[in-house]
Amino acid sequence: MRCGFPSLALRVQEILKHAPLSGHLFVFGGGRSHILKIIWHDGLAACLFTRRLEKGRFIWPNVEGGAVAKPASPAQLSYLSSGIDWRAPQETRRPTRVG
């Protein structure tokens, strides 16, 4: 997943038909579900957050038409971005070293 904020914002605008500068969080995942990118615009600046799992994968809610049917709760988003299965919240793995 090599996309930065401009190309992800264009996908939000053209494919999802939402305003990327609206202040909402838009979450994208890589093909193997080990990379997660979140874009957000606060009205002044654009933010791109990236998270990559060394082992395991992110567990996504059911997707219909290229987007999650209902907005995720803050707890679900927190579990998803932490690599925890949001359906049965349990921490799966803790990193043991850096680098």
PDB file of N, CA and C in Angstrom:
ATOM      1  N   MET A   1       0.850  -1.165   0.000  1.00  0.00           N
ATOM      2  CA  MET A   1       0.000   0.000   0.000  1.00  0.00           C
ATOM      3  C   MET A   1       0.894   1.226   0.000  1.00  0.00           C
ATOM      4  N   ARG A   2       1.070   1.821  -1.147  1.00  0.00           N
ATOM      5  CA  ARG A   2       1.997   2.938  -1.299  1.00  0.00           C
ATOM      6  C   ARG A   2       1.297   4.287  -1.353  1.00  0.00           C
ATOM      7  N   CYS A   3       0.002   4.315  -1.145  1.00  0.00           N
ATOM      8  CA  CYS A   3      -0.772   5.548  -1.268  1.00  0.00           C
ATOM      9  C   CYS A   3      -0.513   6.494  -0.105  1.00  0.00           C
ATOM     10  N   GLY A   4      -0.446   7.781  -0.433  1.00  0.00           N
ATOM     11  CA  GLY A   4      -0.335   8.818   0.576  1.00  0.00           C
ATOM     12  C   GLY A   4      -1.679   9.507   0.747  1.00  0.00           C
ATOM     13  N   PHE A   5      -1.692  10.627   1.467  1.00  0.00           N
ATOM     14  CA  PHE A   5      -2.951  11.319   1.722  1.00  0.00           C
ATOM     15  C   PHE A   5      -3.650  11.760   0.438  1.00  0.00           C
ATOM     16  N   PRO A   6      -2.960  12.366  -0.543  1.00  0.00           N
ATOM     17  CA  PRO A   6      -3.675  12.832  -1.738  1.00  0.00           C
ATOM     18  C   PRO A   6      -4.402  11.715  -2.495  1.00  0.00           C
ATOM     19  N   SER A   7      -3.745  10.576  -2.699  1.00  0.00           N
ATOM     20  CA  SER A   7      -4.392   9.507  -3.461  1.00  0.00           C
ATOM     21  C   SER A   7      -5.496   8.824  -2.658  1.00  0.00           C
ATOM     22  N   LEU A   8      -5.333   8.689  -1.328  1.00  0.00           N
ATOM     23  CA  LEU A   8      -6.398   8.122  -0.503  1.00  0.00           C
ATOM     24  C   LEU A   8      -7.586   9.076  -0.432  1.00  0.00           C
ATOM     25  N   ALA A   9      -7.329  10.380  -0.342  1.00  0.00           N
ATOM     26  CA  ALA A   9      -8.414  11.365  -0.336  1.00  0.00           C
ATOM     27  C   ALA A   9      -9.170  11.344  -1.661  1.00  0.00           C
ATOM     28  N   LEU A  10      -8.460  11.144  -2.754  1.00  0.00           N
ATOM     29  CA  LEU A  10      -9.116  11.042  -4.062  1.00  0.00           C
ATOM     30  C   LEU A  10     -10.003   9.802  -4.133  1.00  0.00           C
ATOM     31  N   ARG A  11      -9.571   8.699  -3.535  1.00  0.00           N
ATOM     32  CA  ARG A  11     -10.412   7.494  -3.488  1.00  0.00           C
ATOM     33  C   ARG A  11     -11.681   7.733  -2.679  1.00  0.00           C
ATOM     34  N   VAL A  12     -11.538   8.438  -1.568  1.00  0.00           N
ATOM     35  CA  VAL A  12     -12.715   8.773  -0.747  1.00  0.00           C
ATOM     36  C   VAL A  12     -13.696   9.596  -1.567  1.00  0.00           C
ATOM     37  N   GLN A  13     -13.178  10.561  -2.295  1.00  0.00           N
ATOM     38  CA  GLN A  13     -14.021  11.462  -3.072  1.00  0.00           C
ATOM     39  C   GLN A  13     -14.643  10.781  -4.281  1.00  0.00           C
ATOM     40  N   GLU A  14     -13.863  10.037  -5.036  1.00  0.00           N
ATOM     41  CA  GLU A  14     -14.346   9.473  -6.298  1.00  0.00           C
ATOM     42  C   GLU A  14     -15.071   8.138  -6.137  1.00  0.00           C
ATOM     43  N   ILE A  15     -14.583   7.268  -5.280  1.00  0.00           N
ATOM     44  CA  ILE A  15     -15.155   5.925  -5.154  1.00  0.00           C
ATOM     45  C   ILE A  15     -16.238   5.878  -4.078  1.00  0.00           C
ATOM     46  N   LEU A  16     -15.934   6.428  -2.899  1.00  0.00           N
ATOM     47  CA  LEU A  16     -16.889   6.367  -1.795  1.00  0.00           C
ATOM     48  C   LEU A  16     -17.908   7.497  -1.820  1.00  0.00           C
ATOM     49  N   LYS A  17     -17.638   8.542  -2.612  1.00  0.00           N
ATOM     50  CA  LYS A  17     -18.535   9.695  -2.746  1.00  0.00           C
ATOM     51  C   LYS A  17     -18.747  10.419  -1.419  1.00  0.00           C
ATOM     52  N   HIS A  18     -17.666  10.595  -0.660  1.00  0.00           N
ATOM     53  CA  HIS A  18     -17.683  11.360   0.586  1.00  0.00           C
ATOM     54  C   HIS A  18     -16.677  12.488   0.470  1.00  0.00           C
ATOM     55  N   ALA A  19     -16.807  13.477   1.326  1.00  0.00           N
ATOM     56  CA  ALA A  19     -15.862  14.597   1.336  1.00  0.00           C
ATOM     57  C   ALA A  19     -14.674  14.246   2.225  1.00  0.00           C
ATOM     58  N   PRO A  20     -13.485  14.110   1.656  1.00  0.00           N
ATOM     59  CA  PRO A  20     -12.316  13.720   2.452  1.00  0.00           C
ATOM     60  C   PRO A  20     -11.873  14.788   3.457  1.00  0.00           C
ATOM     61  N   LEU A  21     -12.296  16.029   3.280  1.00  0.00           N
ATOM     62  CA  LEU A  21     -11.900  17.113   4.174  1.00  0.00           C
ATOM     63  C   LEU A  21     -12.993  17.433   5.193  1.00  0.00           C
ATOM     64  N   SER A  22     -13.905  16.493   5.411  1.00  0.00           N
ATOM     65  CA  SER A  22     -15.064  16.719   6.283  1.00  0.00           C
ATOM     66  C   SER A  22     -14.758  16.571   7.767  1.00  0.00           C
ATOM     67  N   GLY A  23     -13.601  16.035   8.113  1.00  0.00           N
ATOM     68  CA  GLY A  23     -13.274  15.814   9.509  1.00  0.00           C
ATOM     69  C   GLY A  23     -13.527  14.390   9.963  1.00  0.00           C
ATOM     70  N   HIS A  24     -14.057  13.563   9.070  1.00  0.00           N
ATOM     71  CA  HIS A  24     -14.293  12.156   9.397  1.00  0.00           C
ATOM     72  C   HIS A  24     -13.002  11.363   9.235  1.00  0.00           C
ATOM     73  N   LEU A  25     -12.917  10.237   9.933  1.00  0.00           N
ATOM     74  CA  LEU A  25     -11.793   9.318   9.768  1.00  0.00           C
ATOM     75  C   LEU A  25     -12.125   8.341   8.646  1.00  0.00           C
ATOM     76  N   PHE A  26     -11.184   8.116   7.764  1.00  0.00           N
ATOM     77  CA  PHE A  26     -11.338   7.128   6.702  1.00  0.00           C
ATOM     78  C   PHE A  26     -10.206   6.118   6.861  1.00  0.00           C
ATOM     79  N   VAL A  27     -10.561   4.854   6.997  1.00  0.00           N
ATOM     80  CA  VAL A  27      -9.599   3.796   7.294  1.00  0.00           C
ATOM     81  C   VAL A  27      -9.438   2.903   6.078  1.00  0.00           C
ATOM     82  N   PHE A  28      -8.200   2.640   5.696  1.00  0.00           N
ATOM     83  CA  PHE A  28      -7.881   1.792   4.551  1.00  0.00           C
ATOM     84  C   PHE A  28      -6.973   0.657   5.000  1.00  0.00           C
ATOM     85  N   GLY A  29      -7.105  -0.480   4.334  1.00  0.00           N
ATOM     86  CA  GLY A  29      -6.261  -1.623   4.655  1.00  0.00           C
ATOM     87  C   GLY A  29      -5.529  -2.114   3.423  1.00  0.00           C
ATOM     88  N   GLY A  30      -4.370  -2.713   3.642  1.00  0.00           N
ATOM     89  CA  GLY A  30      -3.599  -3.291   2.559  1.00  0.00           C
ATOM     90  C   GLY A  30      -4.195  -4.622   2.119  1.00  0.00           C
ATOM     91  N   GLY A  31      -3.723  -5.129   1.022  1.00  0.00           N
ATOM     92  CA  GLY A  31      -4.237  -6.375   0.461  1.00  0.00           C
ATOM     93  C   GLY A  31      -4.081  -7.584   1.367  1.00  0.00           C
ATOM     94  N   ARG A  32      -2.976  -7.653   2.116  1.00  0.00           N
ATOM     95  CA  ARG A  32      -2.747  -8.793   3.014  1.00  0.00           C
ATOM     96  C   ARG A  32      -3.227  -8.517   4.436  1.00  0.00           C
ATOM     97  N   SER A  33      -3.882  -7.376   4.629  1.00  0.00           N
ATOM     98  CA  SER A  33      -4.455  -6.983   5.927  1.00  0.00           C
ATOM     99  C   SER A  33      -3.418  -6.856   7.034  1.00  0.00           C
ATOM    100  N   HIS A  34      -2.201  -6.466   6.697  1.00  0.00           N
ATOM    101  CA  HIS A  34      -1.206  -6.229   7.744  1.00  0.00           C
ATOM    102  C   HIS A  34      -0.811  -4.755   7.831  1.00  0.00           C
ATOM    103  N   ILE A  35      -1.353  -3.937   6.925  1.00  0.00           N
ATOM    104  CA  ILE A  35      -1.108  -2.497   6.949  1.00  0.00           C
ATOM    105  C   ILE A  35      -2.448  -1.782   7.064  1.00  0.00           C
ATOM    106  N   LEU A  36      -2.476  -0.752   7.896  1.00  0.00           N
ATOM    107  CA  LEU A  36      -3.678   0.038   8.120  1.00  0.00           C
ATOM    108  C   LEU A  36      -3.304   1.505   7.969  1.00  0.00           C
ATOM    109  N   LYS A  37      -4.088   2.260   7.187  1.00  0.00           N
ATOM    110  CA  LYS A  37      -3.856   3.692   7.046  1.00  0.00           C
ATOM    111  C   LYS A  37      -5.152   4.422   7.355  1.00  0.00           C
ATOM    112  N   ILE A  38      -5.019   5.486   8.119  1.00  0.00           N
ATOM    113  CA  ILE A  38      -6.166   6.317   8.486  1.00  0.00           C
ATOM    114  C   ILE A  38      -5.865   7.733   8.032  1.00  0.00           C
ATOM    115  N   ILE A  39      -6.808   8.327   7.276  1.00  0.00           N
ATOM    116  CA  ILE A  39      -6.643   9.729   6.898  1.00  0.00           C
ATOM    117  C   ILE A  39      -7.698  10.546   7.623  1.00  0.00           C
ATOM    118  N   TRP A  40      -7.314  11.786   7.946  1.00  0.00           N
ATOM    119  CA  TRP A  40      -8.188  12.687   8.677  1.00  0.00           C
ATOM    120  C   TRP A  40      -7.757  14.111   8.386  1.00  0.00           C
ATOM    121  N   HIS A  41      -8.725  14.977   8.198  1.00  0.00           N
ATOM    122  CA  HIS A  41      -8.429  16.389   7.993  1.00  0.00           C
ATOM    123  C   HIS A  41      -9.139  17.167   9.091  1.00  0.00           C
ATOM    124  N   ASP A  42      -8.394  17.966   9.857  1.00  0.00           N
ATOM    125  CA  ASP A  42      -8.983  18.675  10.998  1.00  0.00           C
ATOM    126  C   ASP A  42      -9.430  20.090  10.670  1.00  0.00           C
ATOM    127  N   GLY A  43      -9.405  20.466   9.401  1.00  0.00           N
ATOM    128  CA  GLY A  43      -9.778  21.817   9.011  1.00  0.00           C
ATOM    129  C   GLY A  43      -8.566  22.697   8.746  1.00  0.00           C
ATOM    130  N   LEU A  44      -7.429  22.328   9.307  1.00  0.00           N
ATOM    131  CA  LEU A  44      -6.194  23.085   9.099  1.00  0.00           C
ATOM    132  C   LEU A  44      -5.133  22.275   8.383  1.00  0.00           C
ATOM    133  N   ALA A  45      -5.060  20.997   8.717  1.00  0.00           N
ATOM    134  CA  ALA A  45      -3.999  20.163   8.157  1.00  0.00           C
ATOM    135  C   ALA A  45      -4.515  18.749   7.921  1.00  0.00           C
ATOM    136  N   ALA A  46      -3.857  18.076   7.008  1.00  0.00           N
ATOM    137  CA  ALA A  46      -4.189  16.684   6.696  1.00  0.00           C
ATOM    138  C   ALA A  46      -3.279  15.763   7.504  1.00  0.00           C
ATOM    139  N   CYS A  47      -3.862  14.681   8.020  1.00  0.00           N
ATOM    140  CA  CYS A  47      -3.099  13.715   8.813  1.00  0.00           C
ATOM    141  C   CYS A  47      -3.209  12.335   8.178  1.00  0.00           C
ATOM    142  N   LEU A  48      -2.106  11.633   8.145  1.00  0.00           N
ATOM    143  CA  LEU A  48      -2.069  10.259   7.664  1.00  0.00           C
ATOM    144  C   LEU A  48      -1.401   9.421   8.743  1.00  0.00           C
ATOM    145  N   PHE A  49      -2.153   8.472   9.292  1.00  0.00           N
ATOM    146  CA  PHE A  49      -1.634   7.565  10.313  1.00  0.00           C
ATOM    147  C   PHE A  49      -1.456   6.200   9.678  1.00  0.00           C
ATOM    148  N   THR A  50      -0.321   5.583   9.919  1.00  0.00           N
ATOM    149  CA  THR A  50      -0.022   4.266   9.357  1.00  0.00           C
ATOM    150  C   THR A  50       0.341   3.311  10.479  1.00  0.00           C
ATOM    151  N   ARG A  51      -0.163   2.096  10.369  1.00  0.00           N
ATOM    152  CA  ARG A  51       0.178   1.063  11.347  1.00  0.00           C
ATOM    153  C   ARG A  51       0.421  -0.230  10.571  1.00  0.00           C
ATOM    154  N   ARG A  52       1.503  -0.921  10.918  1.00  0.00           N
ATOM    155  CA  ARG A  52       1.871  -2.169  10.245  1.00  0.00           C
ATOM    156  C   ARG A  52       2.095  -3.237  11.294  1.00  0.00           C
ATOM    157  N   LEU A  53       1.482  -4.391  11.095  1.00  0.00           N
ATOM    158  CA  LEU A  53       1.683  -5.515  11.997  1.00  0.00           C
ATOM    159  C   LEU A  53       2.786  -6.413  11.469  1.00  0.00           C
ATOM    160  N   GLU A  54       3.719  -6.792  12.336  1.00  0.00           N
ATOM    161  CA  GLU A  54       4.784  -7.710  11.943  1.00  0.00           C
ATOM    162  C   GLU A  54       4.241  -9.135  11.812  1.00  0.00           C
ATOM    163  N   LYS A  55       3.355  -9.501  12.735  1.00  0.00           N
ATOM    164  CA  LYS A  55       2.728 -10.824  12.690  1.00  0.00           C
ATOM    165  C   LYS A  55       1.232 -10.645  12.849  1.00  0.00           C
ATOM    166  N   GLY A  56       0.478 -11.540  12.263  1.00  0.00           N
ATOM    167  CA  GLY A  56      -0.976 -11.450  12.345  1.00  0.00           C
ATOM    168  C   GLY A  56      -1.526 -10.502  11.301  1.00  0.00           C
ATOM    169  N   ARG A  57      -2.802 -10.168  11.444  1.00  0.00           N
ATOM    170  CA  ARG A  57      -3.449  -9.274  10.503  1.00  0.00           C
ATOM    171  C   ARG A  57      -4.591  -8.541  11.183  1.00  0.00           C
ATOM    172  N   PHE A  58      -4.996  -7.451  10.568  1.00  0.00           N
ATOM    173  CA  PHE A  58      -6.104  -6.679  11.085  1.00  0.00           C
ATOM    174  C   PHE A  58      -7.408  -7.393  10.736  1.00  0.00           C
ATOM    175  N   ILE A  59      -8.346  -7.426  11.679  1.00  0.00           N
ATOM    176  CA  ILE A  59      -9.645  -8.062  11.470  1.00  0.00           C
ATOM    177  C   ILE A  59     -10.641  -6.967  11.108  1.00  0.00           C
ATOM    178  N   TRP A  60     -11.170  -7.036   9.886  1.00  0.00           N
ATOM    179  CA  TRP A  60     -12.074  -6.014   9.381  1.00  0.00           C
ATOM    180  C   TRP A  60     -13.533  -6.419   9.556  1.00  0.00           C
ATOM    181  N   PRO A  61     -14.418  -5.428   9.783  1.00  0.00           N
ATOM    182  CA  PRO A  61     -15.857  -5.712   9.777  1.00  0.00           C
ATOM    183  C   PRO A  61     -16.303  -6.097   8.365  1.00  0.00           C
ATOM    184  N   ASN A  62     -17.530  -6.614   8.229  1.00  0.00           N
ATOM    185  CA  ASN A  62     -18.054  -6.975   6.911  1.00  0.00           C
ATOM    186  C   ASN A  62     -18.120  -5.749   6.015  1.00  0.00           C
ATOM    187  N   VAL A  63     -17.686  -5.923   4.775  1.00  0.00           N
ATOM    188  CA  VAL A  63     -17.639  -4.827   3.819  1.00  0.00           C
ATOM    189  C   VAL A  63     -18.656  -5.088   2.718  1.00  0.00           C
ATOM    190  N   GLU A  64     -19.485  -4.075   2.441  1.00  0.00           N
ATOM    191  CA  GLU A  64     -20.459  -4.161   1.351  1.00  0.00           C
ATOM    192  C   GLU A  64     -20.260  -2.970   0.437  1.00  0.00           C
ATOM    193  N   GLY A  65     -20.037  -3.214  -0.840  1.00  0.00           N
ATOM    194  CA  GLY A  65     -19.873  -2.135  -1.793  1.00  0.00           C
ATOM    195  C   GLY A  65     -18.602  -1.325  -1.611  1.00  0.00           C
ATOM    196  N   GLY A  66     -17.553  -1.928  -1.058  1.00  0.00           N
ATOM    197  CA  GLY A  66     -16.286  -1.240  -0.913  1.00  0.00           C
ATOM    198  C   GLY A  66     -16.133  -0.448   0.366  1.00  0.00           C
ATOM    199  N   ALA A  67     -17.179  -0.395   1.197  1.00  0.00           N
ATOM    200  CA  ALA A  67     -17.094   0.359   2.449  1.00  0.00           C
ATOM    201  C   ALA A  67     -17.853  -0.382   3.540  1.00  0.00           C
ATOM    202  N   VAL A  68     -17.498  -0.115   4.779  1.00  0.00           N
ATOM    203  CA  VAL A  68     -18.214  -0.705   5.905  1.00  0.00           C
ATOM    204  C   VAL A  68     -19.623  -0.124   5.906  1.00  0.00           C
ATOM    205  N   ALA A  69     -20.618  -0.995   6.068  1.00  0.00           N
ATOM    206  CA  ALA A  69     -22.019  -0.582   5.961  1.00  0.00           C
ATOM    207  C   ALA A  69     -22.417   0.453   7.011  1.00  0.00           C
ATOM    208  N   LYS A  70     -21.905   0.322   8.227  1.00  0.00           N
ATOM    209  CA  LYS A  70     -22.242   1.277   9.287  1.00  0.00           C
ATOM    210  C   LYS A  70     -20.950   1.814   9.886  1.00  0.00           C
ATOM    211  N   PRO A  71     -20.983   3.012  10.433  1.00  0.00           N
ATOM    212  CA  PRO A  71     -19.765   3.535  11.049  1.00  0.00           C
ATOM    213  C   PRO A  71     -19.338   2.681  12.242  1.00  0.00           C
ATOM    214  N   ALA A  72     -18.073   2.516  12.383  1.00  0.00           N
ATOM    215  CA  ALA A  72     -17.537   1.744  13.511  1.00  0.00           C
ATOM    216  C   ALA A  72     -17.574   2.607  14.768  1.00  0.00           C
ATOM    217  N   SER A  73     -17.756   1.965  15.891  1.00  0.00           N
ATOM    218  CA  SER A  73     -17.729   2.698  17.158  1.00  0.00           C
ATOM    219  C   SER A  73     -16.277   3.044  17.483  1.00  0.00           C
ATOM    220  N   PRO A  74     -16.055   4.007  18.363  1.00  0.00           N
ATOM    221  CA  PRO A  74     -14.673   4.328  18.759  1.00  0.00           C
ATOM    222  C   PRO A  74     -13.939   3.112  19.338  1.00  0.00           C
ATOM    223  N   ALA A  75     -14.665   2.256  20.070  1.00  0.00           N
ATOM    224  CA  ALA A  75     -14.027   1.063  20.637  1.00  0.00           C
ATOM    225  C   ALA A  75     -13.594   0.104  19.533  1.00  0.00           C
ATOM    226  N   GLN A  76     -14.459  -0.112  18.527  1.00  0.00           N
ATOM    227  CA  GLN A  76     -14.101  -0.998  17.415  1.00  0.00           C
ATOM    228  C   GLN A  76     -12.895  -0.457  16.661  1.00  0.00           C
ATOM    229  N   LEU A  77     -12.853   0.842  16.431  1.00  0.00           N
ATOM    230  CA  LEU A  77     -11.721   1.443  15.733  1.00  0.00           C
ATOM    231  C   LEU A  77     -10.443   1.290  16.551  1.00  0.00           C
ATOM    232  N   SER A  78     -10.554   1.435  17.850  1.00  0.00           N
ATOM    233  CA  SER A  78      -9.397   1.255  18.725  1.00  0.00           C
ATOM    234  C   SER A  78      -8.887  -0.180  18.675  1.00  0.00           C
ATOM    235  N   TYR A  79      -9.792  -1.145  18.743  1.00  0.00           N
ATOM    236  CA  TYR A  79      -9.394  -2.554  18.652  1.00  0.00           C
ATOM    237  C   TYR A  79      -8.768  -2.846  17.288  1.00  0.00           C
ATOM    238  N   LEU A  80      -9.425  -2.365  16.222  1.00  0.00           N
ATOM    239  CA  LEU A  80      -8.917  -2.608  14.873  1.00  0.00           C
ATOM    240  C   LEU A  80      -7.508  -2.058  14.724  1.00  0.00           C
ATOM    241  N   SER A  81      -7.286  -0.812  15.147  1.00  0.00           N
ATOM    242  CA  SER A  81      -5.963  -0.197  14.967  1.00  0.00           C
ATOM    243  C   SER A  81      -4.906  -0.796  15.888  1.00  0.00           C
ATOM    244  N   SER A  82      -5.321  -1.483  16.941  1.00  0.00           N
ATOM    245  CA  SER A  82      -4.373  -2.143  17.844  1.00  0.00           C
ATOM    246  C   SER A  82      -4.080  -3.581  17.437  1.00  0.00           C
ATOM    247  N   GLY A  83      -4.751  -4.067  16.402  1.00  0.00           N
ATOM    248  CA  GLY A  83      -4.543  -5.440  15.969  1.00  0.00           C
ATOM    249  C   GLY A  83      -5.286  -6.448  16.819  1.00  0.00           C
ATOM    250  N   ILE A  84      -6.314  -5.993  17.543  1.00  0.00           N
ATOM    251  CA  ILE A  84      -7.108  -6.874  18.399  1.00  0.00           C
ATOM    252  C   ILE A  84      -8.390  -7.227  17.667  1.00  0.00           C
ATOM    253  N   ASP A  85      -8.803  -8.483  17.728  1.00  0.00           N
ATOM    254  CA  ASP A  85     -10.046  -8.918  17.090  1.00  0.00           C
ATOM    255  C   ASP A  85     -11.215  -8.240  17.801  1.00  0.00           C
ATOM    256  N   TRP A  86     -11.885  -7.308  17.130  1.00  0.00           N
ATOM    257  CA  TRP A  86     -12.959  -6.527  17.740  1.00  0.00           C
ATOM    258  C   TRP A  86     -14.190  -7.374  18.044  1.00  0.00           C
ATOM    259  N   ARG A  87     -14.309  -8.571  17.447  1.00  0.00           N
ATOM    260  CA  ARG A  87     -15.468  -9.431  17.710  1.00  0.00           C
ATOM    261  C   ARG A  87     -15.339 -10.115  19.061  1.00  0.00           C
ATOM    262  N   ALA A  88     -14.119 -10.412  19.474  1.00  0.00           N
ATOM    263  CA  ALA A  88     -13.846 -11.032  20.774  1.00  0.00           C
ATOM    264  C   ALA A  88     -12.592 -10.360  21.327  1.00  0.00           C
ATOM    265  N   PRO A  89     -12.740  -9.180  21.930  1.00  0.00           N
ATOM    266  CA  PRO A  89     -11.575  -8.388  22.327  1.00  0.00           C
ATOM    267  C   PRO A  89     -10.625  -9.112  23.270  1.00  0.00           C
ATOM    268  N   GLN A  90      -9.474  -9.419  22.736  1.00  0.00           N
ATOM    269  CA  GLN A  90      -8.382 -10.029  23.486  1.00  0.00           C
ATOM    270  C   GLN A  90      -7.106  -9.618  22.797  1.00  0.00           C
ATOM    271  N   GLU A  91      -6.151  -9.192  23.546  1.00  0.00           N
ATOM    272  CA  GLU A  91      -4.886  -8.822  22.933  1.00  0.00           C
ATOM    273  C   GLU A  91      -4.213 -10.083  22.429  1.00  0.00           C
ATOM    274  N   THR A  92      -3.790 -10.062  21.167  1.00  0.00           N
ATOM    275  CA  THR A  92      -3.264 -11.267  20.550  1.00  0.00           C
ATOM    276  C   THR A  92      -1.753 -11.386  20.671  1.00  0.00           C
ATOM    277  N   ARG A  93      -1.023 -10.272  20.587  1.00  0.00           N
ATOM    278  CA  ARG A  93       0.435 -10.347  20.610  1.00  0.00           C
ATOM    279  C   ARG A  93       1.018  -9.014  21.012  1.00  0.00           C
ATOM    280  N   ARG A  94       2.019  -9.027  21.827  1.00  0.00           N
ATOM    281  CA  ARG A  94       2.752  -7.838  22.225  1.00  0.00           C
ATOM    282  C   ARG A  94       4.105  -7.846  21.542  1.00  0.00           C
ATOM    283  N   PRO A  95       4.538  -6.719  20.982  1.00  0.00           N
ATOM    284  CA  PRO A  95       5.884  -6.679  20.407  1.00  0.00           C
ATOM    285  C   PRO A  95       6.944  -6.926  21.484  1.00  0.00           C
ATOM    286  N   THR A  96       7.977  -7.650  21.131  1.00  0.00           N
ATOM    287  CA  THR A  96       9.037  -7.951  22.075  1.00  0.00           C
ATOM    288  C   THR A  96      10.305  -7.163  21.815  1.00  0.00           C
ATOM    289  N   ARG A  97      10.468  -6.634  20.589  1.00  0.00           N
ATOM    290  CA  ARG A  97      11.656  -5.855  20.287  1.00  0.00           C
ATOM    291  C   ARG A  97      11.337  -4.828  19.218  1.00  0.00           C
ATOM    292  N   VAL A  98      12.197  -3.857  19.087  1.00  0.00           N
ATOM    293  CA  VAL A  98      12.041  -2.806  18.099  1.00  0.00           C
ATOM    294  C   VAL A  98      13.059  -3.009  17.001  1.00  0.00           C
ATOM    295  N   GLY A  99      12.632  -2.765  15.750  1.00  0.00           N
ATOM    296  CA  GLY A  99      13.576  -2.832  14.639  1.00  0.00           C
ATOM    297  C   GLY A  99      13.634  -4.065  13.945  1.00  0.00           C
TER     298      GLY A  99
END
